[in-house]
PDB file of all heavy atoms in Angstrom:
ATOM      1  N   VAL A   1      -6.705 -11.318  -6.156  1.00  0.00           N
ATOM      2  CA  VAL A   1      -6.481 -10.172  -7.032  1.00  0.00           C
ATOM      3  C   VAL A   1      -5.376 -10.482  -8.033  1.00  0.00           C
ATOM      4  O   VAL A   1      -5.497 -10.196  -9.232  1.00  0.00           O
ATOM      5  CB  VAL A   1      -6.138  -8.924  -6.209  1.00  0.00           C
ATOM      6  CG1 VAL A   1      -5.662  -7.783  -7.110  1.00  0.00           C
ATOM      7  CG2 VAL A   1      -7.353  -8.465  -5.402  1.00  0.00           C
ATOM      8  N   VAL A   2      -4.279 -11.078  -7.554  1.00  0.00           N
ATOM      9  CA  VAL A   2      -3.168 -11.423  -8.441  1.00  0.00           C
ATOM     10  C   VAL A   2      -3.626 -12.427  -9.500  1.00  0.00           C
ATOM     11  O   VAL A   2      -3.280 -12.309 -10.687  1.00  0.00           O
ATOM     12  CB  VAL A   2      -1.978 -11.975  -7.634  1.00  0.00           C
ATOM     13  CG1 VAL A   2      -0.901 -12.522  -8.575  1.00  0.00           C
ATOM     14  CG2 VAL A   2      -1.391 -10.888  -6.736  1.00  0.00           C
ATOM     15  N   ALA A   3      -4.404 -13.416  -9.088  1.00  0.00           N
ATOM     16  CA  ALA A   3      -4.892 -14.424 -10.044  1.00  0.00           C
ATOM     17  C   ALA A   3      -5.812 -13.794 -11.089  1.00  0.00           C
ATOM     18  O   ALA A   3      -5.880 -14.273 -12.233  1.00  0.00           O
ATOM     19  CB  ALA A   3      -5.620 -15.530  -9.290  1.00  0.00           C
ATOM     20  N   GLN A   4      -6.498 -12.739 -10.712  1.00  0.00           N
ATOM     21  CA  GLN A   4      -7.412 -12.065 -11.618  1.00  0.00           C
ATOM     22  C   GLN A   4      -6.680 -11.257 -12.688  1.00  0.00           C
ATOM     23  O   GLN A   4      -7.212 -11.014 -13.770  1.00  0.00           O
ATOM     24  CB  GLN A   4      -8.316 -11.139 -10.793  1.00  0.00           C
ATOM     25  CG  GLN A   4      -9.324 -10.337 -11.568  1.00  0.00           C
ATOM     26  CD  GLN A   4     -10.072  -9.348 -10.665  1.00  0.00           C
ATOM     27  OE1 GLN A   4     -10.136  -9.529  -9.448  1.00  0.00           O
ATOM     28  NE2 GLN A   4     -10.604  -8.300 -11.272  1.00  0.00           N
ATOM     29  N   ALA A   5      -5.449 -10.825 -12.399  1.00  0.00           N
ATOM     30  CA  ALA A   5      -4.690  -9.985 -13.327  1.00  0.00           C
ATOM     31  C   ALA A   5      -4.261 -10.784 -14.553  1.00  0.00           C
ATOM     32  O   ALA A   5      -4.073 -12.005 -14.485  1.00  0.00           O
ATOM     33  CB  ALA A   5      -3.459  -9.421 -12.627  1.00  0.00           C
ATOM     34  N   PRO A   6      -4.091 -10.128 -15.710  1.00  0.00           N
ATOM     35  CA  PRO A   6      -3.527 -10.818 -16.880  1.00  0.00           C
ATOM     36  C   PRO A   6      -2.149 -11.382 -16.532  1.00  0.00           C
ATOM     37  O   PRO A   6      -1.424 -10.812 -15.705  1.00  0.00           O
ATOM     38  CB  PRO A   6      -3.432  -9.708 -17.926  1.00  0.00           C
ATOM     39  CG  PRO A   6      -4.413  -8.674 -17.483  1.00  0.00           C
ATOM     40  CD  PRO A   6      -4.415  -8.726 -16.000  1.00  0.00           C
ATOM     41  N   SER A   7      -1.784 -12.470 -17.167  1.00  0.00           N
ATOM     42  CA  SER A   7      -0.514 -13.122 -16.830  1.00  0.00           C
ATOM     43  C   SER A   7       0.675 -12.179 -16.983  1.00  0.00           C
ATOM     44  O   SER A   7       1.647 -12.261 -16.232  1.00  0.00           O
ATOM     45  CB  SER A   7      -0.315 -14.359 -17.709  1.00  0.00           C
ATOM     46  OG  SER A   7      -0.355 -14.003 -19.087  1.00  0.00           O
ATOM     47  N   SER A   8       0.576 -11.254 -17.931  1.00  0.00           N
ATOM     48  CA  SER A   8       1.684 -10.333 -18.185  1.00  0.00           C
ATOM     49  C   SER A   8       1.899  -9.323 -17.060  1.00  0.00           C
ATOM     50  O   SER A   8       2.973  -8.721 -16.969  1.00  0.00           O
ATOM     51  CB  SER A   8       1.438  -9.571 -19.491  1.00  0.00           C
ATOM     52  OG  SER A   8       0.229  -8.810 -19.405  1.00  0.00           O
ATOM     53  N   SER A   9       0.897  -9.140 -16.201  1.00  0.00           N
ATOM     54  CA  SER A   9       1.026  -8.120 -15.165  1.00  0.00           C
ATOM     55  C   SER A   9       0.852  -8.672 -13.755  1.00  0.00           C
ATOM     56  O   SER A   9       0.688  -7.906 -12.804  1.00  0.00           O
ATOM     57  CB  SER A   9      -0.008  -7.003 -15.396  1.00  0.00           C
ATOM     58  OG  SER A   9      -1.322  -7.488 -15.247  1.00  0.00           O
ATOM     59  N   ARG A  10       0.911  -9.986 -13.593  1.00  0.00           N
ATOM     60  CA  ARG A  10       0.701 -10.553 -12.258  1.00  0.00           C
ATOM     61  C   ARG A  10       1.833 -10.203 -11.298  1.00  0.00           C
ATOM     62  O   ARG A  10       1.587  -9.888 -10.134  1.00  0.00           O
ATOM     63  CB  ARG A  10       0.529 -12.073 -12.355  1.00  0.00           C
ATOM     64  CG  ARG A  10      -0.843 -12.459 -12.854  1.00  0.00           C
ATOM     65  CD  ARG A  10      -1.022 -13.941 -13.035  1.00  0.00           C
ATOM     66  NE  ARG A  10      -2.315 -14.216 -13.675  1.00  0.00           N
ATOM     67  CZ  ARG A  10      -2.629 -15.358 -14.246  1.00  0.00           C
ATOM     68  NH1 ARG A  10      -1.743 -16.356 -14.281  1.00  0.00           N
ATOM     69  NH2 ARG A  10      -3.823 -15.519 -14.788  1.00  0.00           N
ATOM     70  N   ALA A  11       3.055 -10.243 -11.776  1.00  0.00           N
ATOM     71  CA  ALA A  11       4.174  -9.884 -10.901  1.00  0.00           C
ATOM     72  C   ALA A  11       4.071  -8.420 -10.479  1.00  0.00           C
ATOM     73  O   ALA A  11       4.302  -8.071  -9.318  1.00  0.00           O
ATOM     74  CB  ALA A  11       5.504 -10.147 -11.609  1.00  0.00           C
ATOM     75  N   ALA A  12       3.707  -7.558 -11.416  1.00  0.00           N
ATOM     76  CA  ALA A  12       3.556  -6.132 -11.097  1.00  0.00           C
ATOM     77  C   ALA A  12       2.393  -5.904 -10.141  1.00  0.00           C
ATOM     78  O   ALA A  12       2.436  -5.020  -9.281  1.00  0.00           O
ATOM     79  CB  ALA A  12       3.352  -5.332 -12.380  1.00  0.00           C
ATOM     80  N   THR A  13       1.334  -6.711 -10.274  1.00  0.00           N
ATOM     81  CA  THR A  13       0.193  -6.597  -9.364  1.00  0.00           C
ATOM     82  C   THR A  13       0.596  -6.965  -7.948  1.00  0.00           C
ATOM     83  O   THR A  13       0.243  -6.279  -6.977  1.00  0.00           O
ATOM     84  CB  THR A  13      -0.959  -7.503  -9.831  1.00  0.00           C
ATOM     85  OG1 THR A  13      -1.289  -7.195 -11.177  1.00  0.00           O
ATOM     86  CG2 THR A  13      -2.178  -7.329  -8.946  1.00  0.00           C
ATOM     87  N   ARG A  14       1.359  -8.060  -7.818  1.00  0.00           N
ATOM     88  CA  ARG A  14       1.821  -8.474  -6.490  1.00  0.00           C
ATOM     89  C   ARG A  14       2.723  -7.399  -5.879  1.00  0.00           C
ATOM     90  O   ARG A  14       2.608  -7.084  -4.686  1.00  0.00           O
ATOM     91  CB  ARG A  14       2.555  -9.815  -6.593  1.00  0.00           C
ATOM     92  CG  ARG A  14       2.819 -10.467  -5.235  1.00  0.00           C
ATOM     93  CD  ARG A  14       3.421 -11.853  -5.404  1.00  0.00           C
ATOM     94  NE  ARG A  14       2.523 -12.763  -6.082  1.00  0.00           N
ATOM     95  CZ  ARG A  14       1.524 -13.401  -5.481  1.00  0.00           C
ATOM     96  NH1 ARG A  14       1.294 -13.198  -4.190  1.00  0.00           N
ATOM     97  NH2 ARG A  14       0.768 -14.234  -6.163  1.00  0.00           N
ATOM     98  N   LYS A  15       3.608  -6.809  -6.676  1.00  0.00           N
ATOM     99  CA  LYS A  15       4.491  -5.751  -6.171  1.00  0.00           C
ATOM    100  C   LYS A  15       3.670  -4.534  -5.739  1.00  0.00           C
ATOM    101  O   LYS A  15       3.949  -3.917  -4.696  1.00  0.00           O
ATOM    102  CB  LYS A  15       5.482  -5.353  -7.255  1.00  0.00           C
ATOM    103  CG  LYS A  15       6.393  -4.173  -6.902  1.00  0.00           C
ATOM    104  CD  LYS A  15       7.305  -4.487  -5.726  1.00  0.00           C
ATOM    105  CE  LYS A  15       8.433  -3.476  -5.566  1.00  0.00           C
ATOM    106  NZ  LYS A  15       7.961  -2.099  -5.405  1.00  0.00           N
ATOM    107  N   ALA A  16       2.653  -4.175  -6.503  1.00  0.00           N
ATOM    108  CA  ALA A  16       1.821  -3.019  -6.150  1.00  0.00           C
ATOM    109  C   ALA A  16       1.074  -3.274  -4.849  1.00  0.00           C
ATOM    110  O   ALA A  16       0.911  -2.356  -4.024  1.00  0.00           O
ATOM    111  CB  ALA A  16       0.844  -2.717  -7.284  1.00  0.00           C
ATOM    112  N   LEU A  17       0.612  -4.494  -4.633  1.00  0.00           N
ATOM    113  CA  LEU A  17      -0.056  -4.828  -3.374  1.00  0.00           C
ATOM    114  C   LEU A  17       0.911  -4.739  -2.197  1.00  0.00           C
ATOM    115  O   LEU A  17       0.541  -4.277  -1.109  1.00  0.00           O
ATOM    116  CB  LEU A  17      -0.666  -6.227  -3.460  1.00  0.00           C
ATOM    117  CG  LEU A  17      -1.928  -6.346  -4.325  1.00  0.00           C
ATOM    118  CD1 LEU A  17      -2.213  -7.808  -4.656  1.00  0.00           C
ATOM    119  CD2 LEU A  17      -3.121  -5.715  -3.617  1.00  0.00           C
ATOM    120  N   GLN A  18       2.160  -5.164  -2.401  1.00  0.00           N
ATOM    121  CA  GLN A  18       3.172  -5.033  -1.346  1.00  0.00           C
ATOM    122  C   GLN A  18       3.431  -3.562  -1.020  1.00  0.00           C
ATOM    123  O   GLN A  18       3.520  -3.174   0.153  1.00  0.00           O
ATOM    124  CB  GLN A  18       4.467  -5.719  -1.782  1.00  0.00           C
ATOM    125  CG  GLN A  18       4.365  -7.227  -1.883  1.00  0.00           C
ATOM    126  CD  GLN A  18       5.597  -7.858  -2.530  1.00  0.00           C
ATOM    127  OE1 GLN A  18       6.463  -7.160  -3.066  1.00  0.00           O
ATOM    128  NE2 GLN A  18       5.673  -9.171  -2.496  1.00  0.00           N
ATOM    129  N   ASP A  19       3.528  -2.738  -2.056  1.00  0.00           N
ATOM    130  CA  ASP A  19       3.732  -1.312  -1.837  1.00  0.00           C
ATOM    131  C   ASP A  19       2.528  -0.680  -1.142  1.00  0.00           C
ATOM    132  O   ASP A  19       2.679   0.252  -0.326  1.00  0.00           O
ATOM    133  CB  ASP A  19       3.989  -0.600  -3.162  1.00  0.00           C
ATOM    134  CG  ASP A  19       5.342  -0.952  -3.765  1.00  0.00           C
ATOM    135  OD1 ASP A  19       6.218  -1.419  -3.007  1.00  0.00           O
ATOM    136  OD2 ASP A  19       5.521  -0.766  -4.980  1.00  0.00           O
ATOM    137  N   LEU A  20       1.341  -1.185  -1.446  1.00  0.00           N
ATOM    138  CA  LEU A  20       0.143  -0.687  -0.781  1.00  0.00           C
ATOM    139  C   LEU A  20       0.187  -0.989   0.713  1.00  0.00           C
ATOM    140  O   LEU A  20      -0.146  -0.130   1.544  1.00  0.00           O
ATOM    141  CB  LEU A  20      -1.097  -1.313  -1.428  1.00  0.00           C
ATOM    142  CG  LEU A  20      -2.449  -0.951  -0.823  1.00  0.00           C
ATOM    143  CD1 LEU A  20      -2.659   0.560  -0.834  1.00  0.00           C
ATOM    144  CD2 LEU A  20      -3.576  -1.652  -1.572  1.00  0.00           C
ATOM    145  N   ARG A  21       0.602  -2.198   1.076  1.00  0.00           N
ATOM    146  CA  ARG A  21       0.751  -2.536   2.492  1.00  0.00           C
ATOM    147  C   ARG A  21       1.751  -1.607   3.177  1.00  0.00           C
ATOM    148  O   ARG A  21       1.526  -1.125   4.295  1.00  0.00           O
ATOM    149  CB  ARG A  21       1.212  -3.986   2.646  1.00  0.00           C
ATOM    150  CG  ARG A  21       0.203  -5.038   2.249  1.00  0.00           C
ATOM    151  CD  ARG A  21       0.688  -6.419   2.694  1.00  0.00           C
ATOM    152  NE  ARG A  21      -0.117  -7.471   2.132  1.00  0.00           N
ATOM    153  CZ  ARG A  21       0.160  -8.126   1.010  1.00  0.00           C
ATOM    154  NH1 ARG A  21       1.248  -7.823   0.319  1.00  0.00           N
ATOM    155  NH2 ARG A  21      -0.621  -9.086   0.575  1.00  0.00           N
ATOM    156  N   THR A  22       2.868  -1.348   2.501  1.00  0.00           N
ATOM    157  CA  THR A  22       3.900  -0.472   3.075  1.00  0.00           C
ATOM    158  C   THR A  22       3.346   0.932   3.301  1.00  0.00           C
ATOM    159  O   THR A  22       3.621   1.564   4.328  1.00  0.00           O
ATOM    160  CB  THR A  22       5.123  -0.411   2.147  1.00  0.00           C
ATOM    161  OG1 THR A  22       5.647  -1.731   1.969  1.00  0.00           O
ATOM    162  CG2 THR A  22       6.199   0.489   2.730  1.00  0.00           C
ATOM    163  N   SER A  23       2.561   1.428   2.340  1.00  0.00           N
ATOM    164  CA  SER A  23       1.996   2.770   2.493  1.00  0.00           C
ATOM    165  C   SER A  23       1.017   2.821   3.658  1.00  0.00           C
ATOM    166  O   SER A  23       0.912   3.842   4.356  1.00  0.00           O
ATOM    167  CB  SER A  23       1.315   3.196   1.189  1.00  0.00           C
ATOM    168  OG  SER A  23       0.147   2.444   0.945  1.00  0.00           O
ATOM    169  N   LEU A  24       0.300   1.728   3.894  1.00  0.00           N
ATOM    170  CA  LEU A  24      -0.608   1.691   5.040  1.00  0.00           C
ATOM    171  C   LEU A  24       0.171   1.736   6.356  1.00  0.00           C
ATOM    172  O   LEU A  24      -0.292   2.321   7.335  1.00  0.00           O
ATOM    173  CB  LEU A  24      -1.460   0.424   4.977  1.00  0.00           C
ATOM    174  CG  LEU A  24      -2.785   0.553   4.228  1.00  0.00           C
ATOM    175  CD1 LEU A  24      -3.403  -0.811   3.983  1.00  0.00           C
ATOM    176  CD2 LEU A  24      -3.760   1.431   5.005  1.00  0.00           C
ATOM    177  N   ARG A  25       1.339   1.141   6.376  1.00  0.00           N
ATOM    178  CA  ARG A  25       2.174   1.230   7.580  1.00  0.00           C
ATOM    179  C   ARG A  25       2.604   2.672   7.827  1.00  0.00           C
ATOM    180  O   ARG A  25       2.728   3.122   8.968  1.00  0.00           O
ATOM    181  CB  ARG A  25       3.406   0.327   7.435  1.00  0.00           C
ATOM    182  CG  ARG A  25       3.097  -1.157   7.396  1.00  0.00           C
ATOM    183  CD  ARG A  25       2.406  -1.632   8.665  1.00  0.00           C
ATOM    184  NE  ARG A  25       2.226  -3.076   8.680  1.00  0.00           N
ATOM    185  CZ  ARG A  25       1.525  -3.730   9.602  1.00  0.00           C
ATOM    186  NH1 ARG A  25       0.944  -3.057  10.588  1.00  0.00           N
ATOM    187  NH2 ARG A  25       1.393  -5.048   9.534  1.00  0.00           N
ATOM    188  N   GLY A  26       2.840   3.417   6.748  1.00  0.00           N
ATOM    189  CA  GLY A  26       3.153   4.837   6.898  1.00  0.00           C
ATOM    190  C   GLY A  26       1.987   5.604   7.484  1.00  0.00           C
ATOM    191  O   GLY A  26       2.159   6.487   8.340  1.00  0.00           O
ATOM    192  N   ALA A  27       0.767   5.269   7.043  1.00  0.00           N
ATOM    193  CA  ALA A  27      -0.418   5.899   7.619  1.00  0.00           C
ATOM    194  C   ALA A  27      -0.573   5.512   9.086  1.00  0.00           C
ATOM    195  O   ALA A  27      -0.982   6.332   9.926  1.00  0.00           O
ATOM    196  CB  ALA A  27      -1.656   5.487   6.823  1.00  0.00           C
ATOM    197  N   GLU A  28      -0.226   4.278   9.397  1.00  0.00           N
ATOM    198  CA  GLU A  28      -0.307   3.811  10.779  1.00  0.00           C
ATOM    199  C   GLU A  28       0.628   4.612  11.687  1.00  0.00           C
ATOM    200  O   GLU A  28       0.253   5.004  12.809  1.00  0.00           O
ATOM    201  CB  GLU A  28       0.037   2.325  10.838  1.00  0.00           C
ATOM    202  CG  GLU A  28      -0.141   1.689  12.203  1.00  0.00           C
ATOM    203  CD  GLU A  28       0.139   0.205  12.159  1.00  0.00           C
ATOM    204  OE1 GLU A  28       1.144  -0.200  11.519  1.00  0.00           O
ATOM    205  OE2 GLU A  28      -0.632  -0.558  12.752  1.00  0.00           O
ATOM    206  N   ASP A  29       1.834   4.890  11.208  1.00  0.00           N
ATOM    207  CA  ASP A  29       2.772   5.695  12.000  1.00  0.00           C
ATOM    208  C   ASP A  29       2.181   7.067  12.309  1.00  0.00           C
ATOM    209  O   ASP A  29       2.291   7.579  13.432  1.00  0.00           O
ATOM    210  CB  ASP A  29       4.095   5.857  11.253  1.00  0.00           C
ATOM    211  CG  ASP A  29       4.883   4.559  11.162  1.00  0.00           C
ATOM    212  OD1 ASP A  29       4.596   3.632  11.947  1.00  0.00           O
ATOM    213  OD2 ASP A  29       5.777   4.472  10.294  1.00  0.00           O
ATOM    214  N   ALA A  30       1.554   7.673  11.306  1.00  0.00           N
ATOM    215  CA  ALA A  30       0.962   8.996  11.502  1.00  0.00           C
ATOM    216  C   ALA A  30      -0.200   8.938  12.485  1.00  0.00           C
ATOM    217  O   ALA A  30      -0.387   9.853  13.302  1.00  0.00           O
ATOM    218  CB  ALA A  30       0.502   9.560  10.160  1.00  0.00           C
ATOM    219  N   VAL A  31      -0.984   7.871  12.415  1.00  0.00           N
ATOM    220  CA  VAL A  31      -2.114   7.723  13.339  1.00  0.00           C
ATOM    221  C   VAL A  31      -1.616   7.576  14.770  1.00  0.00           C
ATOM    222  O   VAL A  31      -2.167   8.188  15.699  1.00  0.00           O
ATOM    223  CB  VAL A  31      -2.985   6.521  12.916  1.00  0.00           C
ATOM    224  CG1 VAL A  31      -3.963   6.147  14.027  1.00  0.00           C
ATOM    225  CG2 VAL A  31      -3.735   6.835  11.632  1.00  0.00           C
ATOM    226  N   TYR A  32      -0.564   6.789  14.959  1.00  0.00           N
ATOM    227  CA  TYR A  32      -0.025   6.629  16.313  1.00  0.00           C
ATOM    228  C   TYR A  32       0.556   7.936  16.838  1.00  0.00           C
ATOM    229  O   TYR A  32       0.528   8.199  18.046  1.00  0.00           O
ATOM    230  CB  TYR A  32       1.021   5.516  16.341  1.00  0.00           C
ATOM    231  CG  TYR A  32       0.427   4.149  16.575  1.00  0.00           C
ATOM    232  CD1 TYR A  32      -0.004   3.360  15.511  1.00  0.00           C
ATOM    233  CD2 TYR A  32       0.268   3.649  17.865  1.00  0.00           C
ATOM    234  CE1 TYR A  32      -0.574   2.106  15.718  1.00  0.00           C
ATOM    235  CE2 TYR A  32      -0.297   2.395  18.092  1.00  0.00           C
ATOM    236  CZ  TYR A  32      -0.715   1.627  17.021  1.00  0.00           C
ATOM    237  OH  TYR A  32      -1.290   0.393  17.236  1.00  0.00           O
ATOM    238  N   LYS A  33       1.087   8.764  15.956  1.00  0.00           N
ATOM    239  CA  LYS A  33       1.601  10.080  16.362  1.00  0.00           C
ATOM    240  C   LYS A  33       0.488  11.116  16.457  1.00  0.00           C
ATOM    241  O   LYS A  33       0.728  12.237  16.897  1.00  0.00           O
ATOM    242  CB  LYS A  33       2.650  10.565  15.356  1.00  0.00           C
ATOM    243  CG  LYS A  33       3.933   9.763  15.338  1.00  0.00           C
ATOM    244  CD  LYS A  33       4.980  10.425  14.456  1.00  0.00           C
ATOM    245  CE  LYS A  33       4.531  10.535  13.014  1.00  0.00           C
ATOM    246  NZ  LYS A  33       5.572  11.135  12.141  1.00  0.00           N
ATOM    247  N   GLN A  34      -0.711  10.734  16.009  1.00  0.00           N
ATOM    248  CA  GLN A  34      -1.860  11.640  15.960  1.00  0.00           C
ATOM    249  C   GLN A  34      -1.523  12.905  15.166  1.00  0.00           C
ATOM    250  O   GLN A  34      -1.833  14.015  15.551  1.00  0.00           O
ATOM    251  CB  GLN A  34      -2.323  12.003  17.379  1.00  0.00           C
ATOM    252  CG  GLN A  34      -2.774  10.797  18.175  1.00  0.00           C
ATOM    253  CD  GLN A  34      -3.386  11.160  19.515  1.00  0.00           C
ATOM    254  OE1 GLN A  34      -3.613  12.331  19.814  1.00  0.00           O
ATOM    255  NE2 GLN A  34      -3.674  10.157  20.324  1.00  0.00           N
ATOM    256  N   ASP A  35      -0.892  12.671  14.029  1.00  0.00           N
ATOM    257  CA  ASP A  35      -0.454  13.759  13.150  1.00  0.00           C
ATOM    258  C   ASP A  35      -1.315  13.731  11.890  1.00  0.00           C
ATOM    259  O   ASP A  35      -1.106  12.914  10.993  1.00  0.00           O
ATOM    260  CB  ASP A  35       1.025  13.579  12.795  1.00  0.00           C
ATOM    261  CG  ASP A  35       1.611  14.766  12.047  1.00  0.00           C
ATOM    262  OD1 ASP A  35       0.877  15.383  11.253  1.00  0.00           O
ATOM    263  OD2 ASP A  35       2.805  15.066  12.254  1.00  0.00           O
ATOM    264  N   GLN A  36      -2.294  14.620  11.823  1.00  0.00           N
ATOM    265  CA  GLN A  36      -3.210  14.613  10.684  1.00  0.00           C
ATOM    266  C   GLN A  36      -2.513  15.013   9.395  1.00  0.00           C
ATOM    267  O   GLN A  36      -2.838  14.498   8.325  1.00  0.00           O
ATOM    268  CB  GLN A  36      -4.390  15.540  10.942  1.00  0.00           C
ATOM    269  CG  GLN A  36      -5.479  15.418   9.884  1.00  0.00           C
ATOM    270  CD  GLN A  36      -6.626  16.358  10.117  1.00  0.00           C
ATOM    271  OE1 GLN A  36      -6.446  17.462  10.597  1.00  0.00           O
ATOM    272  NE2 GLN A  36      -7.837  15.918   9.786  1.00  0.00           N
ATOM    273  N   GLY A  37      -1.536  15.932   9.478  1.00  0.00           N
ATOM    274  CA  GLY A  37      -0.814  16.348   8.281  1.00  0.00           C
ATOM    275  C   GLY A  37      -0.083  15.183   7.635  1.00  0.00           C
ATOM    276  O   GLY A  37      -0.251  14.913   6.444  1.00  0.00           O
ATOM    277  N   ASP A  38       0.731  14.477   8.432  1.00  0.00           N
ATOM    278  CA  ASP A  38       1.439  13.307   7.904  1.00  0.00           C
ATOM    279  C   ASP A  38       0.457  12.220   7.488  1.00  0.00           C
ATOM    280  O   ASP A  38       0.691  11.492   6.514  1.00  0.00           O
ATOM    281  CB  ASP A  38       2.400  12.758   8.955  1.00  0.00           C
ATOM    282  CG  ASP A  38       3.664  13.597   9.076  1.00  0.00           C
ATOM    283  OD1 ASP A  38       3.836  14.540   8.273  1.00  0.00           O
ATOM    284  OD2 ASP A  38       4.470  13.322   9.983  1.00  0.00           O
ATOM    285  N   GLY A  39      -0.640  12.112   8.229  1.00  0.00           N
ATOM    286  CA  GLY A  39      -1.627  11.103   7.892  1.00  0.00           C
ATOM    287  C   GLY A  39      -2.260  11.361   6.540  1.00  0.00           C
ATOM    288  O   GLY A  39      -2.459  10.430   5.748  1.00  0.00           O
ATOM    289  N   SER A  40      -2.558  12.604   6.243  1.00  0.00           N
ATOM    290  CA  SER A  40      -3.153  12.947   4.958  1.00  0.00           C
ATOM    291  C   SER A  40      -2.203  12.645   3.809  1.00  0.00           C
ATOM    292  O   SER A  40      -2.611  12.147   2.754  1.00  0.00           O
ATOM    293  CB  SER A  40      -3.559  14.421   4.936  1.00  0.00           C
ATOM    294  OG  SER A  40      -4.561  14.681   5.900  1.00  0.00           O
ATOM    295  N   LEU A  41      -0.912  12.960   4.010  1.00  0.00           N
ATOM    296  CA  LEU A  41       0.070  12.662   2.973  1.00  0.00           C
ATOM    297  C   LEU A  41       0.212  11.152   2.773  1.00  0.00           C
ATOM    298  O   LEU A  41       0.319  10.672   1.641  1.00  0.00           O
ATOM    299  CB  LEU A  41       1.420  13.280   3.343  1.00  0.00           C
ATOM    300  CG  LEU A  41       1.460  14.807   3.448  1.00  0.00           C
ATOM    301  CD1 LEU A  41       2.830  15.266   3.929  1.00  0.00           C
ATOM    302  CD2 LEU A  41       1.125  15.454   2.111  1.00  0.00           C
TER     303      LEU A  41
END
């Protein structure tokens, strides 16, 4: 995905993918707590 991005936005693409992983960890916490409200957010 990063290689596919224009050269001017590759660093930003990599950062966005890192933030996406972090957000999935937040969803994981909600799933382990079985909290649908936090999971939806």
